[in-house]
Amino acid sequence: MSMSTTLPIVFNADSILSYLGLPSDYSPSPSGGPVEFLSIHLRELPPNLLAQFSLLLTPQQRSVLPAIRNRRQKYAFSIPKELSFDEARKRWPLLWEGRDRPGVQQAKEEKTWAEREFLGGQKGRIGKLGQLLGGYEEEREAERFREARHGGLAQKLSRQSLDEEPEVEEEEEEEEDDDQDQNGPLIEEEDTPDQLRINFERLIRERFIYGLLDNADYEVVDWEDRWDELNEQDSEERWFDEEEENGAPPMSMSLDLDLPSRSAV
């Protein structure tokens, strides 16, 4: 089944009900109660009809459906390019807490392109071009990151100023200062680069599963039943593994062993 789903222009409830052989006054209605409707009929509809529900439900709203979350989980753990570490850092830089300066990865890509592909990779003529392009890309990305970070920080500070009341007692401040002087400065343990990467990849997967990643392509996952087949296959494999661990033969073997004794009777 194709992974690309073209979004419809309008929502046509009649076509959905007609496909399922349901009356026009069926409840829950596809348009009036889309979540309730999909909880019953999601696996009965083809992708081209299911895609219409993208007009009614956001990716976050669709995440209340267990079947949708299961599909996204299976997709996320298949490590698609969209959710890969390098790609995710570029698409959602504000979620990355690593120590790379913004634009470093893009700068490397620009330099590699110049050295390997431009003018047939004649390093004698383009050696400095790669460095120049890389520097420009790093500056552009750094500026974009600063603007995004500044905008997010300004919104956060604005919300905090409205929600919090700056009431601090002087005695509490003095006690905290005394404790810090006695115990020495607090030193927080920093995560290793590997741990930062693991945490970031986990965050990306979790936000994707619950529909919280902006500009992520949820349409290629939510309405595709191929991810159900993978889930069912995994369930079957887990069942056989459990049977082998318990020492019990698979059901097919049990039936084969019983058949001769029954025929003999």
Protein backbone atom coordinates (compact mmCIF):
# COMPACT_ATOMS: atom_id res chain seq x y z
CA MET A 1 0.00 0.00 0.00
CA SER A 2 1.29 3.43 -0.91
CA MET A 3 2.79 5.54 1.86
CA SER A 4 1.58 8.82 0.34
CA THR A 5 -1.96 9.96 1.01
CA THR A 6 -3.44 12.93 -0.84
CA LEU A 7 -5.53 15.13 1.41
CA PRO A 8 -9.12 15.61 0.24
CA ILE A 9 -10.59 19.04 -0.38
CA VAL A 10 -13.90 18.50 1.41
CA PHE A 11 -15.27 16.04 3.95
CA ASN A 12 -17.86 13.72 2.40
CA ALA A 13 -19.67 11.80 5.13
CA ASP A 14 -22.03 10.18 2.62
CA SER A 15 -19.19 8.44 0.80
CA ILE A 16 -17.92 7.02 4.08
CA LEU A 17 -21.31 5.76 5.22
CA SER A 18 -22.06 4.38 1.77
CA TYR A 19 -18.81 2.40 1.73
CA LEU A 20 -19.70 0.81 5.07
CA GLY A 21 -23.33 0.25 4.07
CA LEU A 22 -24.60 2.43 6.91
CA PRO A 23 -27.68 4.70 6.89
CA SER A 24 -27.29 8.47 6.60
CA ASP A 25 -28.60 8.95 10.16
CA TYR A 26 -26.04 6.54 11.63
CA SER A 27 -24.72 7.42 15.07
CA PRO A 28 -22.01 8.24 15.91
CA SER A 29 -21.85 10.45 12.86
CA PRO A 30 -18.59 10.66 10.91
CA SER A 31 -18.78 14.44 10.96
CA GLY A 32 -20.50 14.97 14.32
CA GLY A 33 -18.47 12.46 16.34
CA PRO A 34 -15.37 11.62 14.31
CA VAL A 35 -13.37 10.20 17.23
CA GLU A 36 -16.20 7.91 18.32
CA PHE A 37 -16.82 6.90 14.71
CA LEU A 38 -13.18 6.04 14.07
CA SER A 39 -12.90 4.08 17.30
CA ILE A 40 -15.43 1.68 15.76
CA HIS A 41 -14.71 1.77 12.03
CA LEU A 42 -11.06 2.78 11.63
CA ARG A 43 -9.91 -0.64 10.44
CA GLU A 44 -12.85 -1.01 8.05
CA LEU A 45 -12.11 2.02 5.86
CA PRO A 46 -9.49 2.42 3.10
CA PRO A 47 -6.84 5.15 3.33
CA ASN A 48 -8.46 7.43 0.74
CA LEU A 49 -11.63 7.69 2.85
CA LEU A 50 -9.83 7.82 6.18
CA ALA A 51 -7.75 10.75 4.94
CA GLN A 52 -10.89 12.88 5.00
CA PHE A 53 -10.80 12.84 8.79
CA SER A 54 -7.60 14.92 8.64
CA LEU A 55 -9.92 17.83 7.83
CA LEU A 56 -11.78 17.34 11.12
CA LEU A 57 -9.13 16.13 13.56
CA THR A 58 -5.65 17.44 14.26
CA PRO A 59 -2.78 14.97 14.77
CA GLN A 60 -3.00 15.60 18.51
CA GLN A 61 -6.76 14.95 18.59
CA ARG A 62 -6.29 11.72 16.64
CA SER A 63 -3.78 10.48 19.20
CA VAL A 64 -6.62 9.60 21.61
CA LEU A 65 -7.26 6.56 19.41
CA PRO A 66 -5.09 3.59 20.53
CA ALA A 67 -4.89 2.24 16.98
CA ILE A 68 -3.46 5.55 15.75
CA ARG A 69 -0.90 5.65 18.56
CA ASN A 70 0.14 2.06 17.84
CA ARG A 71 0.69 2.87 14.16
CA ARG A 72 2.78 5.92 15.03
CA GLN A 73 4.83 3.95 17.52
CA LYS A 74 5.62 1.27 14.98
CA TYR A 75 6.51 3.91 12.40
CA ALA A 76 8.71 5.84 14.84
CA PHE A 77 10.68 2.75 15.83
CA SER A 78 11.26 1.91 12.16
CA ILE A 79 13.65 4.92 12.24
CA PRO A 80 12.35 6.83 9.21
CA LYS A 81 14.57 9.57 7.81
CA GLU A 82 12.14 12.23 9.03
CA LEU A 83 12.71 11.18 12.65
CA SER A 84 16.39 10.31 12.40
CA PHE A 85 18.77 12.05 14.77
CA ASP A 86 20.43 14.39 12.26
CA GLU A 87 17.20 15.27 10.46
CA ALA A 88 15.26 15.86 13.68
CA ARG A 89 17.94 18.21 14.99
CA LYS A 90 17.54 20.36 11.90
CA ARG A 91 13.74 20.32 11.87
CA TRP A 92 13.16 20.84 15.59
CA PRO A 93 16.30 22.59 16.91
CA LEU A 94 14.55 23.96 20.01
CA LEU A 95 14.05 20.40 21.26
CA TRP A 96 17.73 19.56 21.01
CA GLU A 97 19.75 20.15 24.19
CA GLY A 98 23.09 19.03 22.82
CA ARG A 99 26.21 21.16 22.65
CA ASP A 100 26.54 21.48 18.88
CA ARG A 101 26.31 25.04 17.72
CA PRO A 102 23.32 25.64 15.42
CA GLY A 103 24.35 25.22 11.80
CA VAL A 104 27.33 22.94 12.37
CA GLN A 105 25.73 19.95 10.63
CA GLN A 106 24.46 22.09 7.74
CA ALA A 107 27.91 23.64 7.38
CA LYS A 108 29.44 20.18 7.04
CA GLU A 109 26.91 19.28 4.35
CA GLU A 110 27.63 22.46 2.36
CA LYS A 111 31.37 21.84 2.54
CA THR A 112 30.99 18.19 1.52
CA TRP A 113 28.87 19.17 -1.49
CA ALA A 114 31.42 21.71 -2.65
CA GLU A 115 34.34 19.31 -2.29
CA ARG A 116 32.73 16.23 -3.86
CA GLU A 117 30.29 17.48 -6.48
CA PHE A 118 30.91 21.08 -7.50
CA LEU A 119 33.19 21.29 -10.57
CA GLY A 120 33.80 17.57 -10.39
CA GLY A 121 35.50 17.77 -7.01
CA GLN A 122 38.56 19.70 -8.17
CA LYS A 123 39.91 20.54 -4.73
CA GLY A 124 42.63 22.77 -6.11
CA ARG A 125 40.03 25.21 -7.40
CA ILE A 126 37.29 24.91 -4.80
CA GLY A 127 39.09 24.15 -1.56
CA LYS A 128 38.18 27.50 -0.07
CA LEU A 129 34.69 27.46 -1.56
CA GLY A 130 33.67 24.58 0.71
CA GLN A 131 34.86 26.43 3.79
CA LEU A 132 33.10 29.59 2.64
CA LEU A 133 29.76 27.87 2.00
CA GLY A 134 30.02 26.01 5.29
CA GLY A 135 30.66 29.23 7.15
CA TYR A 136 27.70 30.97 5.51
CA GLU A 137 25.38 28.08 6.31
CA GLU A 138 26.51 27.97 9.93
CA GLU A 139 25.90 31.71 10.30
CA ARG A 140 22.45 31.47 8.72
CA GLU A 141 21.40 28.57 10.92
CA ALA A 142 22.78 30.23 14.03
CA GLU A 143 20.79 33.37 13.30
CA ARG A 144 17.61 31.36 12.72
CA PHE A 145 18.16 29.45 15.94
CA ARG A 146 18.71 32.66 17.93
CA GLU A 147 15.50 34.15 16.57
CA ALA A 148 13.51 31.01 17.39
CA ARG A 149 15.06 30.70 20.82
CA HIS A 150 14.45 34.39 21.55
CA GLY A 151 10.81 34.11 20.49
CA GLY A 152 10.22 31.01 22.61
CA LEU A 153 11.95 32.54 25.62
CA ALA A 154 9.95 35.76 25.34
CA GLN A 155 6.68 33.82 25.30
CA LYS A 156 7.77 31.72 28.28
CA LEU A 157 8.76 34.77 30.32
CA SER A 158 5.50 36.49 29.43
CA ARG A 159 3.47 33.52 30.66
CA GLN A 160 5.50 33.27 33.84
CA SER A 161 5.01 36.95 34.62
CA LEU A 162 1.25 36.50 34.40
CA ASP A 163 1.02 33.24 36.31
CA GLU A 164 3.58 33.72 39.07
CA GLU A 165 3.65 36.19 41.94
CA PRO A 166 7.21 37.11 42.95
CA GLU A 167 6.77 36.78 46.70
CA VAL A 168 9.96 35.68 48.46
CA GLU A 169 10.66 35.99 52.17
CA GLU A 170 14.06 37.35 53.13
CA GLU A 171 14.54 34.74 55.86
CA GLU A 172 14.15 31.88 53.36
CA GLU A 173 16.71 33.47 51.06
CA GLU A 174 19.20 33.81 53.92
CA GLU A 175 18.70 30.16 54.92
CA GLU A 176 19.28 29.00 51.35
CA ASP A 177 22.44 31.09 51.11
CA ASP A 178 23.73 29.65 54.41
CA ASP A 179 23.06 26.09 53.27
CA GLN A 180 24.85 26.69 49.99
CA ASP A 181 27.86 28.21 51.77
CA GLN A 182 28.12 25.22 54.12
CA ASN A 183 27.69 22.55 51.48
CA GLY A 184 29.62 24.32 48.75
CA PRO A 185 28.30 25.17 45.27
CA LEU A 186 25.83 22.73 43.79
CA ILE A 187 27.30 20.92 40.81
CA GLU A 188 24.89 19.29 38.38
CA GLU A 189 26.09 16.24 36.55
CA GLU A 190 26.07 16.79 32.81
CA ASP A 191 24.73 14.16 30.45
CA THR A 192 27.19 12.52 28.10
CA PRO A 193 26.78 13.09 24.33
CA ASP A 194 25.38 9.58 23.97
CA GLN A 195 22.83 10.19 26.71
CA LEU A 196 21.82 13.51 25.16
CA ARG A 197 21.25 11.76 21.87
CA ILE A 198 19.21 8.98 23.47
CA ASN A 199 17.08 11.49 25.36
CA PHE A 200 16.51 13.55 22.22
CA GLU A 201 15.50 10.55 20.11
CA ARG A 202 13.11 9.42 22.85
CA LEU A 203 11.59 12.90 23.04
CA ILE A 204 11.07 13.04 19.28
CA ARG A 205 9.37 9.64 19.26
CA GLU A 206 7.09 10.51 22.17
CA ARG A 207 6.07 13.87 20.71
CA PHE A 208 5.43 12.24 17.34
CA ILE A 209 3.25 9.51 18.84
CA TYR A 210 1.08 12.07 20.65
CA GLY A 211 0.82 14.45 17.69
CA LEU A 212 2.99 17.19 19.16
CA LEU A 213 5.61 17.57 16.42
CA ASP A 214 4.95 20.56 14.20
CA ASN A 215 5.16 19.95 10.45
CA ALA A 216 5.53 16.18 10.84
CA ASP A 217 3.87 14.09 8.14
CA TYR A 218 1.28 12.15 10.11
CA GLU A 219 -0.80 11.34 7.03
CA VAL A 220 1.62 8.64 5.87
CA VAL A 221 1.08 6.77 9.14
CA ASP A 222 -2.33 7.42 10.67
CA TRP A 223 -4.41 6.09 7.79
CA GLU A 224 -2.16 3.23 6.64
CA ASP A 225 -3.14 -0.24 7.83
CA ARG A 226 0.27 -1.68 6.91
CA TRP A 227 1.45 -0.63 10.38
CA ASP A 228 -1.35 -2.73 11.88
CA GLU A 229 0.04 -5.77 10.09
CA LEU A 230 3.45 -5.17 11.65
CA ASN A 231 1.88 -4.87 15.10
CA GLU A 232 -0.03 -8.12 14.62
CA GLN A 233 3.13 -9.88 13.45
CA ASP A 234 5.01 -8.69 16.52
CA SER A 235 2.18 -9.92 18.75
CA GLU A 236 2.32 -13.36 17.14
CA GLU A 237 6.09 -13.55 17.55
CA ARG A 238 5.83 -12.57 21.21
CA TRP A 239 3.18 -15.27 21.72
CA PHE A 240 5.41 -17.97 20.22
CA ASP A 241 8.37 -16.77 22.30
CA GLU A 242 6.29 -17.02 25.47
CA GLU A 243 5.13 -20.52 24.55
CA GLU A 244 8.71 -21.67 24.00
CA GLU A 245 9.85 -20.17 27.30
CA ASN A 246 7.05 -21.99 29.14
CA GLY A 247 7.95 -25.28 27.48
CA ALA A 248 4.56 -25.68 25.82
CA PRO A 249 4.44 -26.66 22.13
CA PRO A 250 2.76 -24.27 19.68
CA MET A 251 -0.93 -24.89 19.08
CA SER A 252 -0.33 -26.26 15.59
CA MET A 253 1.97 -28.93 17.04
CA SER A 254 -0.61 -29.87 19.66
CA LEU A 255 -3.26 -30.39 16.99
CA ASP A 256 -0.94 -32.54 14.89
CA LEU A 257 -0.15 -34.74 17.88
CA ASP A 258 -3.80 -35.21 18.78
CA LEU A 259 -5.06 -36.12 15.34
CA PRO A 260 -3.63 -39.66 15.11
CA SER A 261 -5.09 -40.76 18.45
CA ARG A 262 -8.53 -39.49 17.46
CA SER A 263 -8.45 -41.25 14.10
CA ALA A 264 -7.36 -44.45 15.76
CA VAL A 265 -10.47 -44.43 17.95
